[in-house]
Amino acid sequence: MSSISINELAEEVMKALNEYKDVAEKDFEEIAKAIAREGTKKLKATSPKGKGSRKGHYADGWGVSYFRKGNGKFQFVVHNKKKPGLTHLLEKGHALNRGGRARAFVHIKPVEEWCNAEFERRVEAELRK
């Protein structure tokens, strides 16, 4: 049996914890990326299409941006690249020029809630491995 000092033990424990942190961070990032892509697909499918054109420029505009914030922090943002100003108007409704209000087409909130719940579920499953 070999003996090691407390300092050496502390260094080895910290080294093992840092290795685990790096692996866990990569796994969490992959989970977040997959969920962001799935959320984008759901938004493309559930977003309202225009009345007249039926081309779906708004629905096709959904995409994901990735931001690295340093020291293990990252962020995936699902947003509409083609018509970003329209998201709030459609989700919440808005006042009309001729009076009254346009009805709200709630399509972002359900996907947001799904993404948050799914991320938690997948992270918990990953930690149980």
C-alpha atoms as a PDB file:
ATOM      1  CA  MET A   1       0.000   0.000   0.000  1.00  0.00           C
ATOM      2  CA  SER A   2       1.394   3.366  -0.959  1.00  0.00           C
ATOM      3  CA  SER A   3       0.868   6.497   1.008  1.00  0.00           C
ATOM      4  CA  ILE A   4       0.053   9.860  -0.517  1.00  0.00           C
ATOM      5  CA  SER A   5      -0.192  13.244   1.040  1.00  0.00           C
ATOM      6  CA  ILE A   6      -3.415  15.177   1.535  1.00  0.00           C
ATOM      7  CA  ASN A   7      -2.351  17.669  -1.149  1.00  0.00           C
ATOM      8  CA  GLU A   8      -1.872  14.889  -3.692  1.00  0.00           C
ATOM      9  CA  LEU A   9      -5.256  13.401  -2.800  1.00  0.00           C
ATOM     10  CA  ALA A  10      -6.941  16.782  -3.175  1.00  0.00           C
ATOM     11  CA  GLU A  11      -5.268  17.276  -6.580  1.00  0.00           C
ATOM     12  CA  GLU A  12      -6.431  13.844  -7.804  1.00  0.00           C
ATOM     13  CA  VAL A  13      -9.988  14.439  -6.613  1.00  0.00           C
ATOM     14  CA  MET A  14     -10.097  17.860  -8.311  1.00  0.00           C
ATOM     15  CA  LYS A  15      -8.678  16.350 -11.503  1.00  0.00           C
ATOM     16  CA  ALA A  16     -11.385  13.650 -11.528  1.00  0.00           C
ATOM     17  CA  LEU A  17     -14.109  16.220 -10.841  1.00  0.00           C
ATOM     18  CA  ASN A  18     -12.887  18.463 -13.679  1.00  0.00           C
ATOM     19  CA  GLU A  19     -12.884  15.507 -16.080  1.00  0.00           C
ATOM     20  CA  TYR A  20     -16.466  14.661 -15.053  1.00  0.00           C
ATOM     21  CA  LYS A  21     -17.476  18.315 -15.466  1.00  0.00           C
ATOM     22  CA  ASP A  22     -16.083  18.395 -19.002  1.00  0.00           C
ATOM     23  CA  VAL A  23     -17.914  15.203 -19.969  1.00  0.00           C
ATOM     24  CA  ALA A  24     -21.170  16.340 -18.360  1.00  0.00           C
ATOM     25  CA  GLU A  25     -20.914  19.756 -20.018  1.00  0.00           C
ATOM     26  CA  LYS A  26     -20.473  18.180 -23.453  1.00  0.00           C
ATOM     27  CA  ASP A  27     -23.423  15.854 -22.830  1.00  0.00           C
ATOM     28  CA  PHE A  28     -25.648  18.727 -21.672  1.00  0.00           C
ATOM     29  CA  GLU A  29     -24.649  20.793 -24.680  1.00  0.00           C
ATOM     30  CA  GLU A  30     -25.539  17.944 -27.049  1.00  0.00           C
ATOM     31  CA  ILE A  31     -28.903  17.506 -25.313  1.00  0.00           C
ATOM     32  CA  ALA A  32     -29.622  21.233 -25.564  1.00  0.00           C
ATOM     33  CA  LYS A  33     -28.642  21.291 -29.257  1.00  0.00           C
ATOM     34  CA  ALA A  34     -30.932  18.347 -30.064  1.00  0.00           C
ATOM     35  CA  ILE A  35     -33.862  19.876 -28.204  1.00  0.00           C
ATOM     36  CA  ALA A  36     -33.355  23.259 -29.874  1.00  0.00           C
ATOM     37  CA  ARG A  37     -33.431  21.583 -33.295  1.00  0.00           C
ATOM     38  CA  GLU A  38     -36.558  19.606 -32.384  1.00  0.00           C
ATOM     39  CA  GLY A  39     -38.186  22.794 -31.080  1.00  0.00           C
ATOM     40  CA  THR A  40     -37.390  24.514 -34.367  1.00  0.00           C
ATOM     41  CA  LYS A  41     -39.064  21.687 -36.285  1.00  0.00           C
ATOM     42  CA  LYS A  42     -42.131  21.902 -34.044  1.00  0.00           C
ATOM     43  CA  LEU A  43     -42.369  25.667 -34.559  1.00  0.00           C
ATOM     44  CA  LYS A  44     -42.062  25.284 -38.320  1.00  0.00           C
ATOM     45  CA  ALA A  45     -44.933  22.794 -38.219  1.00  0.00           C
ATOM     46  CA  THR A  46     -47.223  24.700 -35.841  1.00  0.00           C
ATOM     47  CA  SER A  47     -46.595  28.321 -36.875  1.00  0.00           C
ATOM     48  CA  PRO A  48     -49.473  30.065 -38.630  1.00  0.00           C
ATOM     49  CA  LYS A  49     -49.312  30.373 -42.382  1.00  0.00           C
ATOM     50  CA  GLY A  50     -50.538  33.548 -44.115  1.00  0.00           C
ATOM     51  CA  LYS A  51     -54.173  33.709 -45.285  1.00  0.00           C
ATOM     52  CA  GLY A  52     -53.589  34.697 -48.882  1.00  0.00           C
ATOM     53  CA  SER A  53     -50.168  33.436 -49.829  1.00  0.00           C
ATOM     54  CA  ARG A  54     -49.970  30.083 -48.007  1.00  0.00           C
ATOM     55  CA  LYS A  55     -46.238  30.204 -48.643  1.00  0.00           C
ATOM     56  CA  GLY A  56     -45.369  30.145 -44.970  1.00  0.00           C
ATOM     57  CA  HIS A  57     -42.461  32.602 -44.979  1.00  0.00           C
ATOM     58  CA  TYR A  58     -42.970  33.145 -41.255  1.00  0.00           C
ATOM     59  CA  ALA A  59     -43.087  29.427 -40.483  1.00  0.00           C
ATOM     60  CA  ASP A  60     -39.992  28.692 -42.567  1.00  0.00           C
ATOM     61  CA  GLY A  61     -37.979  31.406 -40.823  1.00  0.00           C
ATOM     62  CA  TRP A  62     -37.344  29.518 -37.565  1.00  0.00           C
ATOM     63  CA  GLY A  63     -33.718  28.735 -36.768  1.00  0.00           C
ATOM     64  CA  VAL A  64     -31.274  28.153 -33.923  1.00  0.00           C
ATOM     65  CA  SER A  65     -28.338  30.330 -32.857  1.00  0.00           C
ATOM     66  CA  TYR A  66     -25.588  29.131 -30.538  1.00  0.00           C
ATOM     67  CA  PHE A  67     -23.790  31.356 -28.047  1.00  0.00           C
ATOM     68  CA  ARG A  68     -20.848  30.336 -25.880  1.00  0.00           C
ATOM     69  CA  LYS A  69     -20.625  32.482 -22.775  1.00  0.00           C
ATOM     70  CA  GLY A  70     -17.366  31.101 -21.395  1.00  0.00           C
ATOM     71  CA  ASN A  71     -16.551  28.886 -18.427  1.00  0.00           C
ATOM     72  CA  GLY A  72     -19.057  26.158 -19.261  1.00  0.00           C
ATOM     73  CA  LYS A  73     -21.948  28.444 -20.095  1.00  0.00           C
ATOM     74  CA  PHE A  74     -23.738  28.111 -23.403  1.00  0.00           C
ATOM     75  CA  GLN A  75     -27.064  29.098 -24.877  1.00  0.00           C
ATOM     76  CA  PHE A  76     -29.152  27.937 -27.816  1.00  0.00           C
ATOM     77  CA  VAL A  77     -31.701  30.506 -28.983  1.00  0.00           C
ATOM     78  CA  VAL A  78     -34.604  29.496 -31.215  1.00  0.00           C
ATOM     79  CA  HIS A  79     -35.756  32.547 -33.155  1.00  0.00           C
ATOM     80  CA  ASN A  80     -37.411  33.604 -36.368  1.00  0.00           C
ATOM     81  CA  LYS A  81     -34.734  34.848 -38.755  1.00  0.00           C
ATOM     82  CA  LYS A  82     -37.023  35.998 -41.567  1.00  0.00           C
ATOM     83  CA  LYS A  83     -39.733  37.863 -39.637  1.00  0.00           C
ATOM     84  CA  PRO A  84     -38.539  38.463 -36.063  1.00  0.00           C
ATOM     85  CA  GLY A  85     -40.956  41.316 -35.370  1.00  0.00           C
ATOM     86  CA  LEU A  86     -43.968  39.189 -36.170  1.00  0.00           C
ATOM     87  CA  THR A  87     -43.458  36.650 -33.387  1.00  0.00           C
ATOM     88  CA  HIS A  88     -44.773  38.822 -30.569  1.00  0.00           C
ATOM     89  CA  LEU A  89     -47.679  40.160 -32.638  1.00  0.00           C
ATOM     90  CA  LEU A  90     -48.863  36.671 -33.535  1.00  0.00           C
ATOM     91  CA  GLU A  91     -48.258  35.144 -30.116  1.00  0.00           C
ATOM     92  CA  LYS A  92     -49.966  37.891 -28.096  1.00  0.00           C
ATOM     93  CA  GLY A  93     -52.355  39.506 -30.581  1.00  0.00           C
ATOM     94  CA  HIS A  94     -52.282  43.199 -31.451  1.00  0.00           C
ATOM     95  CA  ALA A  95     -54.437  46.258 -32.048  1.00  0.00           C
ATOM     96  CA  LEU A  96     -55.785  46.730 -35.571  1.00  0.00           C
ATOM     97  CA  ASN A  97     -55.816  49.998 -37.539  1.00  0.00           C
ATOM     98  CA  ARG A  98     -59.558  49.757 -38.066  1.00  0.00           C
ATOM     99  CA  GLY A  99     -60.187  49.196 -34.360  1.00  0.00           C
ATOM    100  CA  GLY A 100     -60.411  46.059 -32.305  1.00  0.00           C
ATOM    101  CA  ARG A 101     -57.746  43.462 -31.774  1.00  0.00           C
ATOM    102  CA  ALA A 102     -56.299  40.677 -33.859  1.00  0.00           C
ATOM    103  CA  ARG A 103     -56.613  37.330 -32.147  1.00  0.00           C
ATOM    104  CA  ALA A 104     -53.538  35.680 -30.702  1.00  0.00           C
ATOM    105  CA  PHE A 105     -52.082  32.592 -32.360  1.00  0.00           C
ATOM    106  CA  VAL A 106     -50.367  30.928 -29.408  1.00  0.00           C
ATOM    107  CA  HIS A 107     -47.713  28.730 -31.010  1.00  0.00           C
ATOM    108  CA  ILE A 108     -44.426  29.614 -29.289  1.00  0.00           C
ATOM    109  CA  LYS A 109     -45.352  29.084 -25.619  1.00  0.00           C
ATOM    110  CA  PRO A 110     -46.285  25.370 -25.955  1.00  0.00           C
ATOM    111  CA  VAL A 111     -43.021  24.617 -27.747  1.00  0.00           C
ATOM    112  CA  GLU A 112     -41.054  26.585 -25.154  1.00  0.00           C
ATOM    113  CA  GLU A 113     -42.681  24.635 -22.329  1.00  0.00           C
ATOM    114  CA  TRP A 114     -42.014  21.346 -24.132  1.00  0.00           C
ATOM    115  CA  CYS A 115     -38.350  22.255 -24.670  1.00  0.00           C
ATOM    116  CA  ASN A 116     -37.835  23.139 -21.006  1.00  0.00           C
ATOM    117  CA  ALA A 117     -39.557  19.977 -19.737  1.00  0.00           C
ATOM    118  CA  GLU A 118     -37.757  17.766 -22.265  1.00  0.00           C
ATOM    119  CA  PHE A 119     -34.358  19.244 -21.352  1.00  0.00           C
ATOM    120  CA  GLU A 120     -34.966  18.513 -17.678  1.00  0.00           C
ATOM    121  CA  ARG A 121     -36.146  14.973 -18.463  1.00  0.00           C
ATOM    122  CA  ARG A 122     -33.144  14.165 -20.662  1.00  0.00           C
ATOM    123  CA  VAL A 123     -30.610  15.676 -18.235  1.00  0.00           C
ATOM    124  CA  GLU A 124     -32.077  13.657 -15.351  1.00  0.00           C
ATOM    125  CA  ALA A 125     -31.923  10.509 -17.480  1.00  0.00           C
ATOM    126  CA  GLU A 126     -28.305  11.264 -18.414  1.00  0.00           C
ATOM    127  CA  LEU A 127     -27.328  11.816 -14.772  1.00  0.00           C
ATOM    128  CA  ARG A 128     -28.896   8.482 -13.769  1.00  0.00           C
ATOM    129  CA  LYS A 129     -26.624   6.564 -16.174  1.00  0.00           C
END
